[in-house]
Amino acid sequence: RPLRDLVPGPVAEAARRALAAAAGPLVVALASAALVLGDAGGASAFVVATPRKLQADELATVRLFKDNTPSVVYITNLAVRQDAFTLDVLEVPQGSGSGFVWDKLGHIVTNFHVIRGASDLRVTLADQSVYEAQVVGFDQDKDVAVLSIEAPKDKLRPLPVGVSADLLVGQKVYAIGNPVSASYT
């Protein structure tokens, strides 16, 4: 039965207004939950936004990342540890980070803190192939290190390097990395 039949007069009118005011947000909340959670087996409705065209600077950034991501590598720093229970000697990851392919000879540039204390290093290329790496050199004070891997030249995509003297204050700078193997962010 309608609320006005159960409670006559001004009390019913006030209750009806309160319910109407509460129903609006409740409907919005339920509709939002249905969109987020979906439904079991029924038809789902969702809004698809019309894709907008990218601006010229956005296109340039997308192209920059697409062209240079294959040059970015993932470096795993392994250390030798002895298992406390079995006394077996194990190689365990103790760190990781990003680097980039410098040349077709297999030189990889990274940060010193990525390789610090490593007993073994592995480099993962963009195609997910993995290579043992050796330290060629480093400068701890400048936090830079150079590694070497033996990979087929066709798998190595050297990063094009510019001239720092040509840079101007205020220019855009982008960093492409692969921290904790997070897919080139």
N, C-alpha and C. Protein backbone atom coordinates (compact mmCIF):
# COMPACT_ATOMS: atom_id res chain seq x y z
N ARG A 1 0.84 -1.19 0.00
CA ARG A 1 0.00 0.00 0.00
C ARG A 1 0.87 1.23 0.00
N PRO A 2 0.39 2.34 -0.59
CA PRO A 2 1.16 3.58 -0.59
C PRO A 2 1.37 4.10 0.84
N LEU A 3 2.47 4.81 1.02
CA LEU A 3 2.83 5.35 2.32
C LEU A 3 1.77 6.31 2.83
N ARG A 4 1.16 7.07 1.94
CA ARG A 4 0.15 8.04 2.38
C ARG A 4 -1.07 7.35 2.99
N ASP A 5 -1.34 6.09 2.59
CA ASP A 5 -2.46 5.35 3.17
C ASP A 5 -2.12 4.82 4.56
N LEU A 6 -0.84 4.51 4.79
CA LEU A 6 -0.42 3.97 6.08
C LEU A 6 -0.33 5.05 7.15
N VAL A 7 0.23 6.21 6.76
CA VAL A 7 0.39 7.30 7.71
C VAL A 7 -0.21 8.55 7.07
N PRO A 8 -1.38 8.96 7.52
CA PRO A 8 -2.02 10.12 6.89
C PRO A 8 -1.40 11.44 7.35
N GLY A 9 -1.66 12.48 6.56
CA GLY A 9 -1.32 13.83 6.95
C GLY A 9 0.10 14.25 6.65
N PRO A 10 0.57 15.32 7.36
CA PRO A 10 1.87 15.92 7.08
C PRO A 10 3.04 14.99 7.37
N VAL A 11 2.90 14.02 8.28
CA VAL A 11 3.98 13.08 8.57
C VAL A 11 4.27 12.24 7.33
N ALA A 12 3.21 11.79 6.66
CA ALA A 12 3.38 10.98 5.45
C ALA A 12 4.06 11.79 4.36
N GLU A 13 3.68 13.05 4.22
CA GLU A 13 4.29 13.90 3.20
C GLU A 13 5.77 14.10 3.47
N ALA A 14 6.16 14.33 4.70
CA ALA A 14 7.58 14.51 5.06
C ALA A 14 8.36 13.22 4.83
N ALA A 15 7.76 12.08 5.17
CA ALA A 15 8.43 10.79 4.96
C ALA A 15 8.62 10.53 3.47
N ARG A 16 7.58 10.86 2.66
CA ARG A 16 7.67 10.66 1.22
C ARG A 16 8.80 11.50 0.63
N ARG A 17 8.92 12.76 1.08
CA ARG A 17 10.01 13.63 0.59
C ARG A 17 11.37 13.09 1.00
N ALA A 18 11.50 12.59 2.22
CA ALA A 18 12.78 12.04 2.70
C ALA A 18 13.17 10.81 1.88
N LEU A 19 12.18 9.94 1.60
CA LEU A 19 12.47 8.75 0.79
C LEU A 19 12.87 9.14 -0.63
N ALA A 20 12.20 10.13 -1.20
CA ALA A 20 12.53 10.57 -2.55
C ALA A 20 13.94 11.14 -2.60
N ALA A 21 14.31 11.91 -1.57
CA ALA A 21 15.66 12.49 -1.53
C ALA A 21 16.73 11.41 -1.39
N ALA A 22 16.42 10.36 -0.63
CA ALA A 22 17.39 9.27 -0.44
C ALA A 22 17.45 8.36 -1.66
N ALA A 23 16.36 8.26 -2.40
CA ALA A 23 16.31 7.34 -3.54
C ALA A 23 17.25 7.77 -4.66
N GLY A 24 17.40 9.07 -4.89
CA GLY A 24 18.27 9.54 -5.98
C GLY A 24 19.70 9.03 -5.84
N PRO A 25 20.38 9.32 -4.71
CA PRO A 25 21.74 8.81 -4.54
C PRO A 25 21.81 7.29 -4.52
N LEU A 26 20.75 6.64 -4.00
CA LEU A 26 20.74 5.17 -3.97
C LEU A 26 20.72 4.61 -5.39
N VAL A 27 19.92 5.20 -6.25
CA VAL A 27 19.86 4.75 -7.65
C VAL A 27 21.21 4.95 -8.31
N VAL A 28 21.84 6.09 -8.09
CA VAL A 28 23.16 6.35 -8.67
C VAL A 28 24.18 5.34 -8.15
N ALA A 29 24.16 5.07 -6.85
CA ALA A 29 25.10 4.11 -6.27
C ALA A 29 24.88 2.71 -6.84
N LEU A 30 23.63 2.29 -6.96
CA LEU A 30 23.34 0.97 -7.51
C LEU A 30 23.73 0.88 -8.98
N ALA A 31 23.47 1.93 -9.74
CA ALA A 31 23.86 1.92 -11.15
C ALA A 31 25.37 1.87 -11.29
N SER A 32 26.08 2.62 -10.45
CA SER A 32 27.55 2.59 -10.49
C SER A 32 28.07 1.21 -10.14
N ALA A 33 27.50 0.60 -9.11
CA ALA A 33 27.94 -0.74 -8.72
C ALA A 33 27.68 -1.74 -9.84
N ALA A 34 26.55 -1.61 -10.51
CA ALA A 34 26.23 -2.52 -11.61
C ALA A 34 27.23 -2.36 -12.75
N LEU A 35 27.63 -1.13 -13.02
CA LEU A 35 28.62 -0.91 -14.08
C LEU A 35 29.98 -1.48 -13.70
N VAL A 36 30.36 -1.31 -12.45
CA VAL A 36 31.66 -1.80 -12.01
C VAL A 36 31.67 -3.32 -11.91
N LEU A 37 30.65 -3.88 -11.31
CA LEU A 37 30.63 -5.32 -11.06
C LEU A 37 30.07 -6.12 -12.22
N GLY A 38 29.30 -5.49 -13.09
CA GLY A 38 28.66 -6.23 -14.16
C GLY A 38 27.49 -7.00 -13.59
N ASP A 39 26.90 -7.86 -14.42
CA ASP A 39 25.83 -8.68 -13.87
C ASP A 39 26.03 -10.10 -14.34
N ALA A 40 25.33 -11.00 -13.71
CA ALA A 40 25.53 -12.42 -13.99
C ALA A 40 24.61 -12.88 -15.11
N GLY A 41 25.08 -12.86 -16.33
CA GLY A 41 24.35 -13.45 -17.43
C GLY A 41 23.43 -12.53 -18.19
N GLY A 42 23.04 -11.41 -17.66
CA GLY A 42 22.13 -10.52 -18.36
C GLY A 42 22.88 -9.58 -19.29
N ALA A 43 22.12 -8.76 -19.99
CA ALA A 43 22.74 -7.80 -20.89
C ALA A 43 23.35 -6.67 -20.07
N SER A 44 24.50 -6.21 -20.49
CA SER A 44 25.16 -5.12 -19.79
C SER A 44 25.15 -3.88 -20.67
N ALA A 45 24.97 -2.76 -20.06
CA ALA A 45 25.02 -1.49 -20.78
C ALA A 45 26.19 -0.69 -20.27
N PHE A 46 26.96 -0.11 -21.19
CA PHE A 46 28.03 0.77 -20.79
C PHE A 46 28.23 1.82 -21.87
N VAL A 47 28.80 2.92 -21.47
CA VAL A 47 29.00 4.03 -22.38
C VAL A 47 30.40 3.93 -22.96
N VAL A 48 30.49 4.03 -24.27
CA VAL A 48 31.79 4.04 -24.94
C VAL A 48 32.02 5.45 -25.45
N ALA A 49 33.08 6.06 -24.94
CA ALA A 49 33.39 7.42 -25.37
C ALA A 49 33.96 7.39 -26.78
N THR A 50 33.61 8.38 -27.54
CA THR A 50 34.18 8.50 -28.88
C THR A 50 35.65 8.87 -28.74
N PRO A 51 36.55 8.09 -29.35
CA PRO A 51 37.96 8.42 -29.21
C PRO A 51 38.26 9.78 -29.83
N ARG A 52 39.03 10.55 -29.10
CA ARG A 52 39.39 11.86 -29.64
C ARG A 52 40.72 11.74 -30.35
N LYS A 53 40.94 12.62 -31.26
CA LYS A 53 42.21 12.61 -31.97
C LYS A 53 43.30 13.15 -31.05
N LEU A 54 44.47 12.54 -31.14
CA LEU A 54 45.59 13.00 -30.32
C LEU A 54 46.14 14.30 -30.88
N GLN A 55 46.59 15.14 -29.98
CA GLN A 55 47.25 16.38 -30.39
C GLN A 55 48.63 16.05 -30.95
N ALA A 56 49.22 16.97 -31.68
CA ALA A 56 50.52 16.74 -32.31
C ALA A 56 51.59 16.39 -31.27
N ASP A 57 51.59 17.10 -30.12
CA ASP A 57 52.61 16.81 -29.11
C ASP A 57 52.38 15.44 -28.46
N GLU A 58 51.10 15.03 -28.33
CA GLU A 58 50.81 13.70 -27.80
C GLU A 58 51.27 12.62 -28.78
N LEU A 59 51.02 12.82 -30.05
CA LEU A 59 51.47 11.87 -31.07
C LEU A 59 52.99 11.74 -31.06
N ALA A 60 53.68 12.87 -30.90
CA ALA A 60 55.15 12.84 -30.86
C ALA A 60 55.63 12.05 -29.65
N THR A 61 54.98 12.21 -28.51
CA THR A 61 55.37 11.47 -27.30
C THR A 61 55.10 9.98 -27.47
N VAL A 62 53.94 9.63 -28.01
CA VAL A 62 53.62 8.22 -28.25
C VAL A 62 54.64 7.61 -29.20
N ARG A 63 54.98 8.32 -30.26
CA ARG A 63 55.97 7.83 -31.23
C ARG A 63 57.34 7.67 -30.58
N LEU A 64 57.72 8.63 -29.73
CA LEU A 64 59.01 8.56 -29.04
C LEU A 64 59.10 7.30 -28.19
N PHE A 65 58.05 7.02 -27.41
CA PHE A 65 58.05 5.83 -26.57
C PHE A 65 58.04 4.56 -27.42
N LYS A 66 57.23 4.53 -28.46
CA LYS A 66 57.14 3.35 -29.32
C LYS A 66 58.48 3.07 -30.00
N ASP A 67 59.15 4.11 -30.48
CA ASP A 67 60.42 3.94 -31.18
C ASP A 67 61.57 3.54 -30.26
N ASN A 68 61.52 3.96 -28.99
CA ASN A 68 62.67 3.76 -28.11
C ASN A 68 62.51 2.66 -27.07
N THR A 69 61.30 2.20 -26.83
CA THR A 69 61.09 1.13 -25.85
C THR A 69 61.89 -0.13 -26.15
N PRO A 70 62.06 -0.53 -27.43
CA PRO A 70 62.86 -1.74 -27.69
C PRO A 70 64.33 -1.63 -27.26
N SER A 71 64.79 -0.43 -26.96
CA SER A 71 66.18 -0.23 -26.51
C SER A 71 66.32 -0.36 -25.00
N VAL A 72 65.21 -0.40 -24.29
CA VAL A 72 65.23 -0.45 -22.82
C VAL A 72 65.32 -1.90 -22.37
N VAL A 73 66.17 -2.15 -21.38
CA VAL A 73 66.37 -3.50 -20.86
C VAL A 73 66.04 -3.55 -19.37
N TYR A 74 65.83 -4.77 -18.89
CA TYR A 74 65.59 -5.02 -17.47
C TYR A 74 66.79 -5.79 -16.93
N ILE A 75 67.36 -5.31 -15.85
CA ILE A 75 68.57 -5.91 -15.29
C ILE A 75 68.24 -6.52 -13.93
N THR A 76 68.63 -7.78 -13.77
CA THR A 76 68.45 -8.47 -12.49
C THR A 76 69.81 -8.67 -11.85
N ASN A 77 69.94 -8.22 -10.62
CA ASN A 77 71.16 -8.32 -9.84
C ASN A 77 71.02 -9.52 -8.92
N LEU A 78 71.87 -10.51 -9.11
CA LEU A 78 71.80 -11.74 -8.32
C LEU A 78 72.96 -11.80 -7.33
N ALA A 79 72.70 -12.31 -6.16
CA ALA A 79 73.73 -12.47 -5.14
C ALA A 79 73.74 -13.92 -4.67
N VAL A 80 74.90 -14.37 -4.26
CA VAL A 80 75.04 -15.73 -3.74
C VAL A 80 74.72 -15.71 -2.25
N ARG A 81 73.83 -16.58 -1.84
CA ARG A 81 73.46 -16.71 -0.43
C ARG A 81 73.46 -18.19 -0.06
N GLN A 82 73.68 -18.44 1.21
CA GLN A 82 73.64 -19.82 1.68
C GLN A 82 72.33 -20.03 2.43
N ASP A 83 71.61 -21.07 2.04
CA ASP A 83 70.35 -21.39 2.69
C ASP A 83 70.63 -21.76 4.15
N ALA A 84 69.91 -21.14 5.07
CA ALA A 84 70.15 -21.34 6.50
C ALA A 84 69.83 -22.76 6.96
N PHE A 85 68.92 -23.43 6.29
CA PHE A 85 68.52 -24.77 6.72
C PHE A 85 69.30 -25.87 6.02
N THR A 86 69.43 -25.74 4.68
CA THR A 86 70.08 -26.82 3.92
C THR A 86 71.57 -26.57 3.71
N LEU A 87 72.01 -25.34 3.94
CA LEU A 87 73.38 -24.89 3.69
C LEU A 87 73.74 -24.91 2.21
N ASP A 88 72.73 -25.09 1.33
CA ASP A 88 72.97 -25.01 -0.11
C ASP A 88 73.29 -23.57 -0.49
N VAL A 89 74.14 -23.41 -1.49
CA VAL A 89 74.45 -22.09 -2.02
C VAL A 89 73.45 -21.78 -3.12
N LEU A 90 72.79 -20.63 -3.01
CA LEU A 90 71.75 -20.24 -3.95
C LEU A 90 72.04 -18.86 -4.53
N GLU A 91 71.59 -18.64 -5.76
CA GLU A 91 71.62 -17.30 -6.32
C GLU A 91 70.23 -16.72 -6.14
N VAL A 92 70.15 -15.58 -5.49
CA VAL A 92 68.86 -14.95 -5.25
C VAL A 92 68.89 -13.52 -5.77
N PRO A 93 67.77 -13.05 -6.33
CA PRO A 93 67.73 -11.66 -6.77
C PRO A 93 67.89 -10.74 -5.57
N GLN A 94 68.78 -9.76 -5.71
CA GLN A 94 68.93 -8.79 -4.62
C GLN A 94 68.61 -7.39 -5.09
N GLY A 95 68.33 -7.24 -6.36
CA GLY A 95 67.98 -5.94 -6.89
C GLY A 95 67.68 -6.04 -8.37
N SER A 96 67.14 -4.97 -8.89
CA SER A 96 66.83 -4.92 -10.31
C SER A 96 66.70 -3.46 -10.73
N GLY A 97 66.68 -3.26 -12.02
CA GLY A 97 66.53 -1.91 -12.52
C GLY A 97 66.53 -1.90 -14.04
N SER A 98 66.57 -0.71 -14.58
CA SER A 98 66.53 -0.52 -16.02
C SER A 98 67.89 -0.15 -16.55
N GLY A 99 68.01 -0.28 -17.84
CA GLY A 99 69.19 0.17 -18.56
C GLY A 99 68.80 0.32 -20.02
N PHE A 100 69.78 0.61 -20.87
CA PHE A 100 69.47 0.70 -22.29
C PHE A 100 70.64 0.20 -23.11
N VAL A 101 70.31 -0.25 -24.32
CA VAL A 101 71.32 -0.76 -25.24
C VAL A 101 72.08 0.43 -25.81
N TRP A 102 73.41 0.39 -25.65
CA TRP A 102 74.26 1.48 -26.13
C TRP A 102 74.68 1.26 -27.58
N ASP A 103 75.05 0.00 -27.90
CA ASP A 103 75.54 -0.28 -29.26
C ASP A 103 75.27 -1.72 -29.64
N LYS A 104 75.58 -2.05 -30.89
CA LYS A 104 75.36 -3.41 -31.40
C LYS A 104 76.41 -4.40 -30.89
N LEU A 105 77.42 -3.90 -30.17
CA LEU A 105 78.43 -4.78 -29.58
C LEU A 105 77.94 -5.40 -28.27
N GLY A 106 76.78 -4.98 -27.80
CA GLY A 106 76.21 -5.55 -26.59
C GLY A 106 76.48 -4.76 -25.33
N HIS A 107 76.90 -3.51 -25.47
CA HIS A 107 77.10 -2.67 -24.28
C HIS A 107 75.75 -2.15 -23.78
N ILE A 108 75.57 -2.25 -22.48
CA ILE A 108 74.34 -1.83 -21.81
C ILE A 108 74.72 -0.77 -20.78
N VAL A 109 74.02 0.35 -20.78
CA VAL A 109 74.27 1.41 -19.80
C VAL A 109 73.17 1.35 -18.74
N THR A 110 73.59 1.42 -17.49
CA THR A 110 72.64 1.39 -16.37
C THR A 110 73.21 2.25 -15.24
N ASN A 111 72.55 2.19 -14.09
CA ASN A 111 73.04 2.89 -12.91
C ASN A 111 73.88 1.95 -12.05
N PHE A 112 74.87 2.52 -11.38
CA PHE A 112 75.72 1.71 -10.51
C PHE A 112 74.91 1.05 -9.39
N HIS A 113 73.95 1.79 -8.84
CA HIS A 113 73.18 1.21 -7.72
C HIS A 113 72.40 -0.04 -8.15
N VAL A 114 72.14 -0.20 -9.44
CA VAL A 114 71.45 -1.40 -9.92
C VAL A 114 72.34 -2.63 -9.83
N ILE A 115 73.65 -2.45 -10.04
CA ILE A 115 74.57 -3.60 -10.08
C ILE A 115 75.38 -3.78 -8.81
N ARG A 116 75.30 -2.84 -7.90
CA ARG A 116 76.12 -2.87 -6.67
C ARG A 116 75.98 -4.21 -5.96
N GLY A 117 77.10 -4.83 -5.64
CA GLY A 117 77.11 -6.05 -4.85
C GLY A 117 76.70 -7.31 -5.59
N ALA A 118 76.60 -7.25 -6.90
CA ALA A 118 76.13 -8.42 -7.66
C ALA A 118 77.21 -9.48 -7.78
N SER A 119 76.80 -10.73 -7.66
CA SER A 119 77.70 -11.82 -8.00
C SER A 119 77.42 -12.28 -9.42
N ASP A 120 76.24 -11.96 -9.91
CA ASP A 120 75.83 -12.34 -11.26
C ASP A 120 74.80 -11.32 -11.73
N LEU A 121 74.82 -11.02 -13.02
CA LEU A 121 73.86 -10.07 -13.59
C LEU A 121 73.20 -10.70 -14.81
N ARG A 122 71.91 -10.44 -14.95
CA ARG A 122 71.18 -10.91 -16.13
C ARG A 122 70.46 -9.72 -16.74
N VAL A 123 70.49 -9.67 -18.07
CA VAL A 123 69.83 -8.60 -18.82
C VAL A 123 68.70 -9.22 -19.64
N THR A 124 67.51 -8.66 -19.49
CA THR A 124 66.36 -9.11 -20.27
C THR A 124 66.05 -8.03 -21.31
N LEU A 125 66.07 -8.43 -22.58
CA LEU A 125 65.76 -7.51 -23.67
C LEU A 125 64.25 -7.38 -23.83
N ALA A 126 63.84 -6.45 -24.67
CA ALA A 126 62.41 -6.19 -24.88
C ALA A 126 61.66 -7.42 -25.38
N ASP A 127 62.34 -8.31 -26.11
CA ASP A 127 61.68 -9.53 -26.60
C ASP A 127 61.67 -10.65 -25.56
N GLN A 128 62.08 -10.33 -24.34
CA GLN A 128 62.11 -11.25 -23.19
C GLN A 128 63.25 -12.26 -23.23
N SER A 129 64.19 -12.12 -24.18
CA SER A 129 65.37 -12.99 -24.16
C SER A 129 66.30 -12.52 -23.06
N VAL A 130 66.96 -13.47 -22.38
CA VAL A 130 67.78 -13.17 -21.20
C VAL A 130 69.22 -13.55 -21.48
N TYR A 131 70.15 -12.66 -21.07
CA TYR A 131 71.58 -12.88 -21.29
C TYR A 131 72.35 -12.60 -20.01
N GLU A 132 73.40 -13.40 -19.79
CA GLU A 132 74.34 -13.12 -18.70
C GLU A 132 75.07 -11.84 -19.05
N ALA A 133 75.38 -11.03 -18.06
CA ALA A 133 76.08 -9.76 -18.30
C ALA A 133 77.33 -9.68 -17.44
N GLN A 134 78.34 -9.01 -17.99
CA GLN A 134 79.58 -8.75 -17.25
C GLN A 134 79.72 -7.23 -17.11
N VAL A 135 80.29 -6.82 -15.99
CA VAL A 135 80.55 -5.39 -15.77
C VAL A 135 81.80 -5.02 -16.55
N VAL A 136 81.67 -4.00 -17.41
CA VAL A 136 82.80 -3.49 -18.19
C VAL A 136 83.46 -2.34 -17.43
N GLY A 137 82.65 -1.53 -16.78
CA GLY A 137 83.17 -0.41 -16.01
C GLY A 137 82.06 0.29 -15.26
N PHE A 138 82.46 1.15 -14.32
CA PHE A 138 81.46 1.90 -13.56
C PHE A 138 82.12 3.12 -12.93
N ASP A 139 81.29 4.08 -12.58
CA ASP A 139 81.70 5.24 -11.80
C ASP A 139 80.66 5.38 -10.69
N GLN A 140 81.05 4.94 -9.50
CA GLN A 140 80.12 4.94 -8.37
C GLN A 140 79.65 6.35 -8.04
N ASP A 141 80.56 7.34 -8.12
CA ASP A 141 80.19 8.72 -7.77
C ASP A 141 79.15 9.30 -8.73
N LYS A 142 79.18 8.89 -9.98
CA LYS A 142 78.22 9.39 -10.97
C LYS A 142 77.05 8.42 -11.14
N ASP A 143 77.06 7.32 -10.39
CA ASP A 143 76.00 6.31 -10.41
C ASP A 143 75.74 5.80 -11.83
N VAL A 144 76.82 5.46 -12.53
CA VAL A 144 76.69 4.92 -13.88
C VAL A 144 77.53 3.65 -14.00
N ALA A 145 77.04 2.71 -14.80
CA ALA A 145 77.77 1.47 -15.04
C ALA A 145 77.54 1.02 -16.47
N VAL A 146 78.53 0.31 -17.02
CA VAL A 146 78.41 -0.26 -18.36
C VAL A 146 78.59 -1.76 -18.24
N LEU A 147 77.65 -2.48 -18.83
CA LEU A 147 77.68 -3.94 -18.85
C LEU A 147 77.90 -4.40 -20.29
N SER A 148 78.21 -5.67 -20.42
CA SER A 148 78.36 -6.25 -21.75
C SER A 148 77.60 -7.57 -21.79
N ILE A 149 76.85 -7.77 -22.88
CA ILE A 149 76.17 -9.05 -23.10
C ILE A 149 76.55 -9.57 -24.48
N GLU A 150 76.47 -10.88 -24.63
CA GLU A 150 76.72 -11.49 -25.93
C GLU A 150 75.37 -11.90 -26.51
N ALA A 151 74.82 -11.00 -27.32
CA ALA A 151 73.52 -11.24 -27.95
C ALA A 151 73.67 -11.03 -29.45
N PRO A 152 72.85 -11.70 -30.24
CA PRO A 152 72.89 -11.47 -31.68
C PRO A 152 72.64 -9.98 -31.99
N LYS A 153 73.38 -9.45 -32.94
CA LYS A 153 73.28 -8.02 -33.26
C LYS A 153 71.87 -7.62 -33.67
N ASP A 154 71.14 -8.53 -34.31
CA ASP A 154 69.79 -8.18 -34.74
C ASP A 154 68.81 -8.04 -33.57
N LYS A 155 69.18 -8.52 -32.39
CA LYS A 155 68.33 -8.37 -31.19
C LYS A 155 68.63 -7.07 -30.44
N LEU A 156 69.73 -6.42 -30.77
CA LEU A 156 70.15 -5.22 -30.04
C LEU A 156 69.70 -3.97 -30.79
N ARG A 157 68.93 -3.13 -30.11
CA ARG A 157 68.46 -1.87 -30.69
C ARG A 157 69.08 -0.72 -29.90
N PRO A 158 70.23 -0.21 -30.35
CA PRO A 158 70.87 0.89 -29.62
C PRO A 158 69.95 2.11 -29.54
N LEU A 159 69.98 2.75 -28.39
CA LEU A 159 69.20 3.96 -28.18
C LEU A 159 69.90 5.11 -28.89
N PRO A 160 69.21 5.87 -29.73
CA PRO A 160 69.86 7.02 -30.34
C PRO A 160 70.18 8.06 -29.26
N VAL A 161 71.40 8.50 -29.23
CA VAL A 161 71.84 9.43 -28.19
C VAL A 161 72.09 10.79 -28.83
N GLY A 162 71.59 11.83 -28.20
CA GLY A 162 71.77 13.19 -28.70
C GLY A 162 73.00 13.83 -28.12
N VAL A 163 73.10 15.13 -28.34
CA VAL A 163 74.23 15.92 -27.85
C VAL A 163 73.70 16.84 -26.75
N SER A 164 74.22 16.66 -25.55
CA SER A 164 73.70 17.44 -24.42
C SER A 164 73.92 18.94 -24.60
N ALA A 165 74.93 19.33 -25.36
CA ALA A 165 75.18 20.76 -25.59
C ALA A 165 74.04 21.40 -26.39
N ASP A 166 73.26 20.59 -27.09
CA ASP A 166 72.15 21.11 -27.89
C ASP A 166 70.87 21.30 -27.08
N LEU A 167 70.86 20.85 -25.83
CA LEU A 167 69.66 20.95 -25.01
C LEU A 167 69.47 22.36 -24.47
N LEU A 168 68.21 22.75 -24.33
CA LEU A 168 67.87 24.05 -23.77
C LEU A 168 67.08 23.85 -22.49
N VAL A 169 67.26 24.76 -21.55
CA VAL A 169 66.48 24.73 -20.32
C VAL A 169 65.01 24.89 -20.70
N GLY A 170 64.18 24.02 -20.16
CA GLY A 170 62.75 24.07 -20.43
C GLY A 170 62.28 23.04 -21.45
N GLN A 171 63.22 22.36 -22.11
CA GLN A 171 62.82 21.31 -23.04
C GLN A 171 62.23 20.14 -22.27
N LYS A 172 61.34 19.41 -22.94
CA LYS A 172 60.75 18.23 -22.32
C LYS A 172 61.78 17.11 -22.28
N VAL A 173 61.73 16.35 -21.19
CA VAL A 173 62.61 15.20 -21.01
C VAL A 173 61.73 14.02 -20.62
N TYR A 174 61.98 12.87 -21.22
CA TYR A 174 61.21 11.67 -20.92
C TYR A 174 62.15 10.58 -20.44
N ALA A 175 61.71 9.85 -19.46
CA ALA A 175 62.48 8.70 -18.97
C ALA A 175 61.65 7.45 -19.23
N ILE A 176 62.25 6.51 -19.95
CA ILE A 176 61.58 5.24 -20.20
C ILE A 176 62.32 4.19 -19.40
N GLY A 177 61.64 3.54 -18.52
CA GLY A 177 62.30 2.53 -17.70
C GLY A 177 61.49 1.26 -17.64
N ASN A 178 62.03 0.31 -16.93
CA ASN A 178 61.37 -0.97 -16.76
C ASN A 178 61.54 -1.40 -15.30
N PRO A 179 61.14 -0.51 -14.36
CA PRO A 179 61.37 -0.83 -12.95
C PRO A 179 60.54 -2.03 -12.53
N VAL A 180 61.12 -2.85 -11.72
CA VAL A 180 60.48 -4.08 -11.24
C VAL A 180 59.69 -4.79 -12.33
N SER A 181 60.25 -4.75 -13.53
CA SER A 181 59.66 -5.40 -14.71
C SER A 181 58.24 -4.90 -14.97
N ALA A 182 58.05 -3.59 -14.84
CA ALA A 182 56.71 -2.99 -14.96
C ALA A 182 56.38 -2.53 -16.36
N SER A 183 56.79 -3.26 -17.34
CA SER A 183 56.36 -3.06 -18.72
C SER A 183 56.59 -1.66 -19.27
N TYR A 184 57.77 -1.17 -19.11
CA TYR A 184 58.18 0.06 -19.79
C TYR A 184 57.29 1.24 -19.45
N THR A 185 57.40 1.71 -18.24
CA THR A 185 56.60 2.83 -17.79
C THR A 185 57.42 4.11 -17.84
